[in-house]
């Protein structure tokens, strides 16, 4: 499994959780899984017990032989993790961009090198994988390298490729001037492969060469094959036919379960909810909210990017707190304009809005536990994990019905009390405002339904066990497709 992120070593979003949790579930099913990630300078060698695996490893890129080294650790679940150390590319403050959120100009070279180094590692270790699982555009060159350069390789010649699209909005589109460094051949710089209006498109090429492709929910797999949801790649995904599918992400309940969560001031369960009240009190105190058990809190944990719908929220959040007796607990970072806006709201609406700009894992757990509702107004959402965490914590999701949000949240039925959350379909401030109002009115006016919804939510299971079985099936299909292609 090759990825630019893996929790707890490096993470910016859900992909880091998937690359951490899926191997654990596969290991339990007797699959030999090994993970390869870059060795970023912020990874603590002592904390994670890194040891030198290879002092020197040569990787051909273009006409240059790049020399790197490889470290290794073994996780508590006995999964080997290899770290590609190459300071020229990975000794930086961020994974993809600097502190001002400017992408590193050499990202195409950085991740092409990382991809090729993962393949070289297999050769140097004499490790013959049945499948190499690439994740998003950063490692989407793997399927191409396997077919172009390693088709008759004694180590990698029979290795199949799986490409998981975690977010099709990010495709790795860069100027062609970098292409020679990849050494993929001019004959592959064509509109059906890597060429995209004269530029390189990493993900597009990966889709062409991959033996199997999946994305992270069933609904998102459907959406990405449409003109509206495919970001220009929908024709190529439709062409893959049954070689493209959706597998819902699971959740690591060892990390996200209010009964055993070590980050919480008090634990609780579906049979004893008193600890949730204590978590609510702690969250209100932590973020300077008015201490009141009877006022509902809406949690928001998000990257501040256009995809997440935070601009829509910014257009209605003040009307919400002015017209409804409700509080907000906000955690996130990204777009500087949104950071400034949400960061200053707590000064304007003291006691009603509390915000933390940045990321804090402990606070994320406290928001999940201490909130009554969790808002995700995403424009699109491949899978989403926070809404699944929220369900387990009895924190009812308020979500736009897109992608994995639609797959995992059952809309509230006022007549029966069935459901696990509140959905809206239109991507607008108006829809957010009135759906929040619907949830808040349920909190105050239909308390028996609130209890029923919370119970329904906490009973839901989205563990990795079922998804891991589907991934094994996906790997087997990839292996068969590889054999057919030879």
Protein backbone atom coordinates (compact mmCIF):
# COMPACT_ATOMS: atom_id res chain seq x y z
CA UNK A 1 0.00 0.00 0.00
CA UNK A 2 1.67 3.19 -1.22
CA UNK A 3 0.43 6.55 0.03
CA UNK A 4 1.57 10.06 0.89
CA UNK A 5 -0.34 9.85 4.19
CA UNK A 6 -0.77 7.30 6.95
CA UNK A 7 -1.95 8.01 10.48
CA UNK A 8 -0.27 8.56 12.94
CA UNK A 9 2.85 9.42 10.93
CA UNK A 10 1.42 11.94 8.46
CA UNK A 11 -2.17 12.98 7.86
CA UNK A 12 -4.16 15.86 6.41
CA UNK A 13 -7.46 14.11 5.75
CA UNK A 14 -9.39 10.87 5.49
CA UNK A 15 -6.86 9.14 3.25
CA UNK A 16 -4.42 8.99 6.16
CA UNK A 17 -7.03 7.19 8.26
CA UNK A 18 -7.85 4.72 5.50
CA UNK A 19 -4.21 3.81 4.86
CA UNK A 20 -3.80 3.25 8.59
CA UNK A 21 -6.99 1.30 9.29
CA UNK A 22 -7.53 -0.84 6.19
CA UNK A 23 -4.20 -2.70 6.58
CA UNK A 24 -5.12 -3.60 10.16
CA UNK A 25 -8.38 -5.17 9.00
CA UNK A 26 -6.58 -6.97 6.14
CA UNK A 27 -3.92 -8.26 8.53
CA UNK A 28 -6.66 -9.86 10.64
CA UNK A 29 -7.70 -11.73 7.50
CA UNK A 30 -4.15 -13.11 7.09
CA UNK A 31 -3.14 -10.71 4.31
CA UNK A 32 0.54 -9.72 4.29
CA UNK A 33 0.32 -5.91 4.08
CA UNK A 34 3.20 -3.46 3.91
CA UNK A 35 2.90 0.32 3.80
CA UNK A 36 5.25 2.77 2.07
CA UNK A 37 5.15 6.53 2.75
CA UNK A 38 7.63 9.41 2.42
CA UNK A 39 9.79 10.23 5.40
CA UNK A 40 8.75 13.80 6.11
CA UNK A 41 11.01 15.84 8.39
CA UNK A 42 8.26 16.20 11.00
CA UNK A 43 8.04 12.42 11.59
CA UNK A 44 9.57 11.68 14.99
CA UNK A 45 12.14 8.88 14.57
CA UNK A 46 12.40 8.09 18.28
CA UNK A 47 8.67 8.18 18.97
CA UNK A 48 7.94 5.72 16.16
CA UNK A 49 11.09 3.62 16.63
CA UNK A 50 12.38 4.03 13.10
CA UNK A 51 15.32 1.86 12.09
CA UNK A 52 17.47 2.00 8.95
CA UNK A 53 16.33 -0.59 6.40
CA UNK A 54 18.46 0.47 3.42
CA UNK A 55 21.29 2.97 3.79
CA UNK A 56 21.36 3.65 0.08
CA UNK A 57 18.86 2.96 -2.71
CA UNK A 58 19.21 4.21 -6.27
CA UNK A 59 16.11 5.32 -8.18
CA UNK A 60 16.28 6.25 -11.87
CA UNK A 61 14.31 9.36 -12.74
CA UNK A 62 14.74 10.67 -16.26
CA UNK A 63 18.48 10.71 -16.89
CA UNK A 64 19.30 11.01 -13.20
CA UNK A 65 20.03 8.32 -10.64
CA UNK A 66 18.60 9.69 -7.38
CA UNK A 67 20.00 8.19 -4.17
CA UNK A 68 17.78 7.88 -1.13
CA UNK A 69 17.59 5.78 2.03
CA UNK A 70 14.80 3.78 3.63
CA UNK A 71 13.75 3.50 7.27
CA UNK A 72 11.32 1.03 8.75
CA UNK A 73 9.11 0.51 11.77
CA UNK A 74 6.65 -2.16 12.84
CA UNK A 75 3.26 -1.02 14.08
CA UNK A 76 1.56 -2.42 17.18
CA UNK A 77 -0.50 -4.56 14.80
CA UNK A 78 2.71 -6.03 13.34
CA UNK A 79 2.47 -4.18 10.02
CA UNK A 80 5.76 -3.03 8.46
CA UNK A 81 5.87 0.63 7.43
CA UNK A 82 8.69 1.82 5.18
CA UNK A 83 9.74 5.48 4.95
CA UNK A 84 11.47 6.83 1.84
CA UNK A 85 14.03 9.40 3.01
CA UNK A 86 15.06 11.98 0.43
CA UNK A 87 15.59 15.39 2.02
CA UNK A 88 15.54 17.33 -1.25
CA UNK A 89 11.87 16.43 -1.63
CA UNK A 90 10.54 15.59 1.83
CA UNK A 91 12.41 17.73 4.35
CA UNK A 92 9.72 20.41 4.45
CA UNK A 93 7.18 21.81 6.89
CA UNK A 94 4.17 20.43 5.01
CA UNK A 95 3.15 17.43 2.95
CA UNK A 96 1.78 19.21 -0.12
CA UNK A 97 2.19 22.93 0.52
CA UNK A 98 3.91 25.54 2.68
CA UNK A 99 2.46 27.31 5.69
CA UNK A 100 0.66 29.76 3.39
CA UNK A 101 -1.06 26.85 1.59
CA UNK A 102 0.96 27.40 -1.59
CA UNK A 103 1.63 24.10 -3.35
CA UNK A 104 5.29 23.14 -3.60
CA UNK A 105 6.32 23.89 -7.19
CA UNK A 106 8.08 20.53 -7.57
CA UNK A 107 5.17 18.36 -6.33
CA UNK A 108 5.02 16.40 -9.61
CA UNK A 109 8.68 15.44 -9.28
CA UNK A 110 8.37 14.76 -5.55
CA UNK A 111 5.56 12.26 -5.91
CA UNK A 112 6.77 10.70 -9.16
CA UNK A 113 10.06 9.98 -7.38
CA UNK A 114 8.25 8.61 -4.33
CA UNK A 115 6.14 6.34 -6.52
CA UNK A 116 9.13 4.95 -8.36
CA UNK A 117 11.11 4.53 -5.15
CA UNK A 118 8.31 2.34 -3.71
CA UNK A 119 8.68 0.02 -6.70
CA UNK A 120 12.46 0.03 -6.36
CA UNK A 121 12.06 -0.88 -2.70
CA UNK A 122 10.17 -4.03 -3.66
CA UNK A 123 13.03 -4.98 -5.96
CA UNK A 124 15.77 -4.28 -3.41
CA UNK A 125 13.92 -6.23 -0.70
CA UNK A 126 13.05 -9.04 -3.14
CA UNK A 127 9.43 -8.57 -2.04
CA UNK A 128 7.01 -9.82 -4.69
CA UNK A 129 3.57 -8.31 -4.01
CA UNK A 130 0.43 -9.73 -5.57
CA UNK A 131 -1.05 -6.22 -5.65
CA UNK A 132 0.24 -2.70 -5.20
CA UNK A 133 -2.50 -0.43 -3.89
CA UNK A 134 -2.04 3.21 -4.95
CA UNK A 135 -3.95 6.08 -3.35
CA UNK A 136 -5.05 9.24 -5.18
CA UNK A 137 -3.10 11.14 -7.82
CA UNK A 138 0.14 11.29 -5.82
CA UNK A 139 0.81 7.59 -6.43
CA UNK A 140 -1.29 7.12 -9.59
CA UNK A 141 1.87 6.57 -11.67
CA UNK A 142 2.26 3.12 -10.09
CA UNK A 143 -0.14 1.33 -12.50
CA UNK A 144 1.67 2.96 -15.43
CA UNK A 145 5.16 2.06 -14.21
CA UNK A 146 4.10 -1.55 -13.62
CA UNK A 147 2.82 -1.92 -17.19
CA UNK A 148 5.44 0.21 -18.98
CA UNK A 149 8.65 -0.67 -17.16
CA UNK A 150 8.02 -3.80 -15.10
CA UNK A 151 5.89 -5.98 -17.39
CA UNK A 152 8.59 -8.70 -17.54
CA UNK A 153 10.29 -7.96 -14.23
CA UNK A 154 11.00 -11.13 -12.14
CA UNK A 155 9.83 -9.28 -9.00
CA UNK A 156 7.00 -7.06 -10.25
CA UNK A 157 6.06 -8.60 -13.60
CA UNK A 158 2.91 -10.30 -12.29
CA UNK A 159 1.97 -7.59 -9.77
CA UNK A 160 -1.51 -6.13 -10.27
CA UNK A 161 -2.48 -2.55 -9.47
CA UNK A 162 -5.42 -1.07 -7.60
CA UNK A 163 -6.00 2.68 -7.59
CA UNK A 164 -8.27 4.22 -4.96
CA UNK A 165 -9.71 7.64 -5.76
CA UNK A 166 -10.25 9.36 -2.43
CA UNK A 167 -11.18 12.69 -4.05
CA UNK A 168 -11.49 13.16 -7.80
CA UNK A 169 -11.32 16.94 -7.38
CA UNK A 170 -7.55 16.60 -6.96
CA UNK A 171 -5.98 15.08 -10.08
CA UNK A 172 -2.34 16.18 -10.12
CA UNK A 173 -2.42 18.45 -13.19
CA UNK A 174 0.99 20.00 -13.93
CA UNK A 175 2.94 21.51 -16.87
CA UNK A 176 4.39 19.05 -19.37
CA UNK A 177 7.94 20.25 -18.65
CA UNK A 178 8.06 17.73 -15.78
CA UNK A 179 7.11 14.75 -17.95
CA UNK A 180 10.63 13.73 -19.06
CA UNK A 181 11.56 13.23 -15.41
CA UNK A 182 8.87 10.55 -15.10
CA UNK A 183 10.35 8.49 -17.98
CA UNK A 184 6.98 7.23 -19.19
CA UNK A 185 7.51 7.81 -22.91
CA UNK A 186 6.03 10.29 -25.36
CA UNK A 187 3.75 7.55 -26.72
CA UNK A 188 1.88 7.63 -23.39
CA UNK A 189 1.42 11.40 -23.40
CA UNK A 190 -1.89 11.15 -25.24
CA UNK A 191 -5.46 12.36 -24.50
CA UNK A 192 -6.60 8.91 -23.36
CA UNK A 193 -3.65 8.56 -20.95
CA UNK A 194 -1.60 11.35 -19.34
CA UNK A 195 -2.25 14.36 -21.59
CA UNK A 196 -4.85 16.92 -20.48
CA UNK A 197 -5.05 20.09 -22.59
CA UNK A 198 -1.29 20.06 -23.03
CA UNK A 199 -0.58 19.36 -19.34
CA UNK A 200 0.11 16.18 -17.36
CA UNK A 201 -2.79 14.61 -15.46
CA UNK A 202 -1.51 12.01 -12.97
CA UNK A 203 -4.92 10.61 -12.06
CA UNK A 204 -6.09 10.34 -15.65
CA UNK A 205 -3.08 8.19 -16.55
CA UNK A 206 -3.53 6.07 -13.45
CA UNK A 207 -7.15 5.38 -14.42
CA UNK A 208 -6.04 4.21 -17.87
CA UNK A 209 -3.39 1.78 -16.62
CA UNK A 210 -4.92 0.47 -13.35
CA UNK A 211 -6.16 -3.12 -13.24
CA UNK A 212 -8.95 -2.10 -10.84
CA UNK A 213 -10.15 1.27 -9.59
CA UNK A 214 -12.37 2.09 -6.68
CA UNK A 215 -13.60 5.08 -4.79
CA UNK A 216 -14.70 5.37 -1.20
CA UNK A 217 -18.50 5.08 -1.34
CA UNK A 218 -21.12 3.64 -3.65
CA UNK A 219 -22.88 6.95 -4.29
CA UNK A 220 -19.60 8.72 -5.07
CA UNK A 221 -18.76 6.02 -7.62
CA UNK A 222 -22.02 6.87 -9.38
CA UNK A 223 -21.52 10.63 -9.06
CA UNK A 224 -17.99 10.57 -10.49
CA UNK A 225 -19.27 8.94 -13.68
CA UNK A 226 -21.47 11.98 -14.35
CA UNK A 227 -20.47 15.22 -16.05
CA UNK A 228 -21.29 17.17 -12.88
CA UNK A 229 -19.29 14.96 -10.51
CA UNK A 230 -16.46 13.63 -12.66
CA UNK A 231 -14.34 16.79 -12.91
CA UNK A 232 -13.59 15.92 -16.54
CA UNK A 233 -12.64 12.28 -15.88
CA UNK A 234 -16.14 10.80 -16.09
CA UNK A 235 -15.73 9.49 -19.69
CA UNK A 236 -12.60 7.59 -18.68
CA UNK A 237 -14.26 6.10 -15.61
CA UNK A 238 -17.29 5.04 -17.62
CA UNK A 239 -14.94 3.36 -20.07
CA UNK A 240 -13.52 1.22 -17.23
CA UNK A 241 -17.02 -0.29 -16.82
CA UNK A 242 -16.94 -3.05 -14.15
CA UNK A 243 -13.31 -2.27 -13.34
CA UNK A 244 -14.54 0.73 -11.33
CA UNK A 245 -16.53 0.34 -8.13
CA UNK A 246 -17.28 1.96 -4.78
CA UNK A 247 -16.31 0.58 -1.37
CA UNK A 248 -17.40 2.54 1.68
CA UNK A 249 -14.62 3.47 4.07
CA UNK A 250 -14.75 1.86 7.47
CA UNK A 251 -13.93 3.39 10.81
CA UNK A 252 -11.33 2.34 13.34
CA UNK A 253 -13.51 1.98 16.43
CA UNK A 254 -10.42 1.43 18.57
CA UNK A 255 -9.77 5.15 17.96
CA UNK A 256 -13.37 6.40 17.75
CA UNK A 257 -15.65 4.92 20.40
CA UNK A 258 -16.97 6.96 23.34
CA UNK A 259 -16.80 3.92 25.62
CA UNK A 260 -12.99 3.70 25.39
CA UNK A 261 -11.92 7.11 24.03
CA UNK A 262 -8.95 8.24 26.14
CA UNK A 263 -9.24 11.84 24.92
CA UNK A 264 -12.57 12.35 26.69
CA UNK A 265 -13.04 13.67 30.23
CA UNK A 266 -15.72 10.98 30.68
CA UNK A 267 -16.68 7.89 28.72
CA UNK A 268 -20.23 6.87 27.93
CA UNK A 269 -22.27 4.26 26.10
CA UNK A 270 -25.70 3.72 24.59
CA UNK A 271 -26.86 2.37 27.98
CA UNK A 272 -25.32 5.15 30.11
CA UNK A 273 -25.20 8.58 28.47
CA UNK A 274 -24.22 10.62 31.52
CA UNK A 275 -20.64 10.96 30.28
CA UNK A 276 -21.87 12.81 27.18
CA UNK A 277 -23.25 15.57 29.38
CA UNK A 278 -19.85 15.89 31.07
CA UNK A 279 -18.17 16.04 27.65
CA UNK A 280 -20.58 18.80 26.65
CA UNK A 281 -19.69 20.77 29.79
CA UNK A 282 -15.98 20.31 29.06
CA UNK A 283 -16.39 21.41 25.43
CA UNK A 284 -18.31 24.54 26.44
CA UNK A 285 -15.59 25.42 28.93
CA UNK A 286 -12.78 24.68 26.45
CA UNK A 287 -14.19 26.95 23.73
CA UNK A 288 -15.65 29.68 25.94
CA UNK A 289 -19.27 28.76 25.26
CA UNK A 290 -22.02 29.56 27.74
CA UNK A 291 -22.29 26.70 30.24
CA UNK A 292 -25.78 25.38 29.61
CA UNK A 293 -26.70 21.71 29.30
CA UNK A 294 -30.01 22.59 27.64
CA UNK A 295 -28.60 24.50 24.66
CA UNK A 296 -27.67 22.30 21.70
CA UNK A 297 -24.13 22.46 20.31
CA UNK A 298 -23.44 22.02 16.60
CA UNK A 299 -19.94 20.73 15.93
CA UNK A 300 -17.92 21.51 12.78
CA UNK A 301 -14.55 19.88 12.07
CA UNK A 302 -13.30 20.55 8.58
CA UNK A 303 -10.59 21.59 6.20
CA UNK A 304 -11.52 25.09 5.05
CA UNK A 305 -11.70 24.37 1.32
CA UNK A 306 -14.45 25.05 -1.21
CA UNK A 307 -15.44 21.37 -1.35
CA UNK A 308 -16.56 21.36 2.28
CA UNK A 309 -19.26 24.00 1.87
CA UNK A 310 -17.88 26.32 4.56
CA UNK A 311 -18.45 29.37 2.35
CA UNK A 312 -22.14 28.45 2.33
CA UNK A 313 -22.10 28.16 6.11
CA UNK A 314 -20.38 31.55 6.41
CA UNK A 315 -23.41 33.11 4.69
CA UNK A 316 -25.94 31.79 7.21
CA UNK A 317 -24.21 31.00 10.52
CA UNK A 318 -24.83 34.47 11.93
CA UNK A 319 -28.53 34.26 11.10
CA UNK A 320 -28.62 30.87 12.79
CA UNK A 321 -27.14 32.08 16.10
CA UNK A 322 -29.21 35.28 15.98
CA UNK A 323 -32.52 33.46 15.45
CA UNK A 324 -31.99 30.11 17.20
CA UNK A 325 -30.90 29.20 20.71
CA UNK A 326 -27.88 27.16 19.62
CA UNK A 327 -24.09 27.09 19.97
CA UNK A 328 -21.29 26.25 17.50
CA UNK A 329 -17.97 24.49 18.18
CA UNK A 330 -15.69 24.93 15.14
CA UNK A 331 -12.31 23.35 14.44
CA UNK A 332 -10.46 23.70 11.14
CA UNK A 333 -7.92 25.42 8.92
CA UNK A 334 -7.17 26.09 5.28
CA UNK A 335 -8.49 29.01 3.28
CA UNK A 336 -7.13 32.15 4.98
CA UNK A 337 -10.30 34.15 4.39
CA UNK A 338 -12.38 31.46 6.08
CA UNK A 339 -9.84 31.13 8.88
CA UNK A 340 -10.12 34.85 9.57
CA UNK A 341 -13.92 34.78 9.40
CA UNK A 342 -14.57 31.79 11.64
CA UNK A 343 -11.71 32.75 13.93
CA UNK A 344 -13.23 36.15 14.73
CA UNK A 345 -16.85 34.98 15.07
CA UNK A 346 -16.21 33.90 18.64
CA UNK A 347 -15.41 37.52 19.52
CA UNK A 348 -18.61 38.78 17.92
CA UNK A 349 -20.87 36.07 19.37
CA UNK A 350 -19.25 35.36 22.71
CA UNK A 351 -20.67 32.32 24.43
CA UNK A 352 -22.49 31.20 21.28
CA UNK A 353 -19.61 30.42 18.90
CA UNK A 354 -16.26 28.93 19.85
CA UNK A 355 -13.57 28.29 17.26
CA UNK A 356 -10.07 26.83 17.09
CA UNK A 357 -8.10 27.57 13.90
CA UNK A 358 -5.69 24.73 13.22
CA UNK A 359 -5.94 21.05 14.01
CA UNK A 360 -6.04 19.43 17.44
CA UNK A 361 -6.83 15.72 17.65
CA UNK A 362 -7.89 15.83 21.31
CA UNK A 363 -10.28 18.72 20.62
CA UNK A 364 -11.67 16.85 17.59
CA UNK A 365 -12.63 13.95 19.86
CA UNK A 366 -14.14 16.34 22.41
CA UNK A 367 -16.24 18.08 19.73
CA UNK A 368 -17.54 14.73 18.49
CA UNK A 369 -18.51 13.72 22.02
CA UNK A 370 -19.68 17.04 23.44
CA UNK A 371 -21.80 18.23 20.52
CA UNK A 372 -25.45 17.37 19.97
CA UNK A 373 -25.27 17.76 16.19
CA UNK A 374 -22.47 17.65 13.64
CA UNK A 375 -22.73 19.77 10.48
CA UNK A 376 -21.22 18.76 7.12
CA UNK A 377 -22.56 21.01 4.30
CA UNK A 378 -20.22 19.53 1.66
CA UNK A 379 -20.55 20.47 -2.00
CA UNK A 380 -19.36 16.92 -2.64
CA UNK A 381 -18.04 14.30 -0.22
CA UNK A 382 -16.43 11.07 -1.50
CA UNK A 383 -17.01 9.28 1.80
CA UNK A 384 -16.61 11.43 4.85
CA UNK A 385 -15.55 9.99 8.19
CA UNK A 386 -16.65 12.57 10.72
CA UNK A 387 -20.33 11.85 10.17
CA UNK A 388 -19.60 8.16 10.92
CA UNK A 389 -17.66 9.11 14.06
CA UNK A 390 -20.62 11.32 15.04
CA UNK A 391 -23.06 8.43 14.76
CA UNK A 392 -21.04 6.34 17.20
CA UNK A 393 -20.87 9.28 19.63
CA UNK A 394 -24.63 9.89 19.53
CA UNK A 395 -24.03 13.23 17.82
CA UNK A 396 -26.61 13.54 15.06
CA UNK A 397 -25.21 14.48 11.63
CA UNK A 398 -26.70 17.34 9.63
CA UNK A 399 -25.44 16.67 6.12
CA UNK A 400 -25.90 17.45 2.47
CA UNK A 401 -27.05 14.24 0.78
CA UNK A 402 -24.01 13.67 -1.44
CA UNK A 403 -21.48 10.85 -1.79
CA UNK A 404 -20.74 8.92 1.38
CA UNK A 405 -22.84 11.31 3.46
CA UNK A 406 -25.91 10.06 1.63
CA UNK A 407 -24.81 6.43 2.05
CA UNK A 408 -24.20 6.58 5.80
CA UNK A 409 -26.91 8.90 7.20
CA UNK A 410 -30.59 7.92 7.27
CA UNK A 411 -32.86 10.94 7.13
CA UNK A 412 -35.10 11.64 10.13
CA UNK A 413 -38.75 10.69 9.76
CA UNK A 414 -40.87 12.97 11.94
CA UNK A 415 -43.81 10.55 11.91
CA UNK A 416 -41.94 7.48 13.16
CA UNK A 417 -38.80 8.84 14.79
CA UNK A 418 -36.70 6.65 12.53
CA UNK A 419 -33.42 7.85 11.11
CA UNK A 420 -29.93 8.80 12.27
CA UNK A 421 -29.62 12.42 11.17
CA UNK A 422 -30.88 15.29 9.04
CA UNK A 423 -30.29 15.64 5.28
CA UNK A 424 -30.63 18.41 2.73
CA UNK A 425 -30.01 18.30 -1.01
CA UNK A 426 -29.57 21.85 -2.26
CA UNK A 427 -26.09 23.36 -1.87
CA UNK A 428 -27.18 26.72 -0.50
CA UNK A 429 -27.13 28.80 2.71
CA UNK A 430 -30.93 28.63 2.66
CA UNK A 431 -30.90 24.81 2.81
CA UNK A 432 -28.34 24.80 5.63
CA UNK A 433 -30.32 27.35 7.65
CA UNK A 434 -33.63 25.50 7.46
CA UNK A 435 -32.14 22.03 8.02
CA UNK A 436 -30.31 23.28 11.11
CA UNK A 437 -33.64 24.79 12.19
CA UNK A 438 -35.31 21.41 11.67
CA UNK A 439 -32.69 19.71 13.84
CA UNK A 440 -32.83 22.37 16.56
CA UNK A 441 -36.64 22.24 16.70
CA UNK A 442 -36.41 18.45 17.09
CA UNK A 443 -33.98 18.96 19.99
CA UNK A 444 -36.41 21.26 21.82
CA UNK A 445 -39.84 20.01 20.71
CA UNK A 446 -39.48 16.26 20.11
CA UNK A 447 -37.20 15.05 22.87
CA UNK A 448 -38.41 11.46 22.68
CA UNK A 449 -37.47 11.41 19.01
CA UNK A 450 -34.05 12.90 19.85
CA UNK A 451 -33.36 10.01 22.20
CA UNK A 452 -34.54 7.52 19.61
CA UNK A 453 -32.38 9.10 16.89
CA UNK A 454 -29.32 9.02 19.14
CA UNK A 455 -29.93 5.35 19.94
CA UNK A 456 -30.39 4.55 16.24
CA UNK A 457 -27.16 6.37 15.42
CA UNK A 458 -25.05 4.66 18.10
CA UNK A 459 -26.26 1.23 17.00
CA UNK A 460 -24.90 1.74 13.47
CA UNK A 461 -21.70 -0.11 12.59
CA UNK A 462 -19.31 0.94 9.83
CA UNK A 463 -16.31 -1.15 10.82
CA UNK A 464 -13.48 -2.09 8.48
CA UNK A 465 -14.24 -5.82 8.69
CA UNK A 466 -16.90 -5.77 5.96
CA UNK A 467 -15.03 -3.28 3.78
CA UNK A 468 -11.81 -5.33 4.07
CA UNK A 469 -13.60 -8.35 2.58
CA UNK A 470 -14.72 -6.19 -0.34
CA UNK A 471 -11.14 -4.99 -0.83
CA UNK A 472 -9.89 -8.58 -0.93
CA UNK A 473 -12.44 -9.25 -3.66
CA UNK A 474 -11.21 -6.11 -5.44
CA UNK A 475 -7.59 -7.31 -5.21
CA UNK A 476 -8.52 -10.72 -6.62
CA UNK A 477 -10.30 -9.06 -9.55
CA UNK A 478 -7.23 -6.91 -10.17
CA UNK A 479 -5.04 -10.03 -10.24
CA UNK A 480 -7.37 -11.67 -12.76
CA UNK A 481 -7.44 -8.56 -14.92
CA UNK A 482 -3.65 -8.40 -14.82
CA UNK A 483 -3.45 -11.99 -16.07
CA UNK A 484 -5.88 -11.22 -18.90
CA UNK A 485 -3.77 -8.24 -19.95
CA UNK A 486 -0.54 -10.22 -20.18
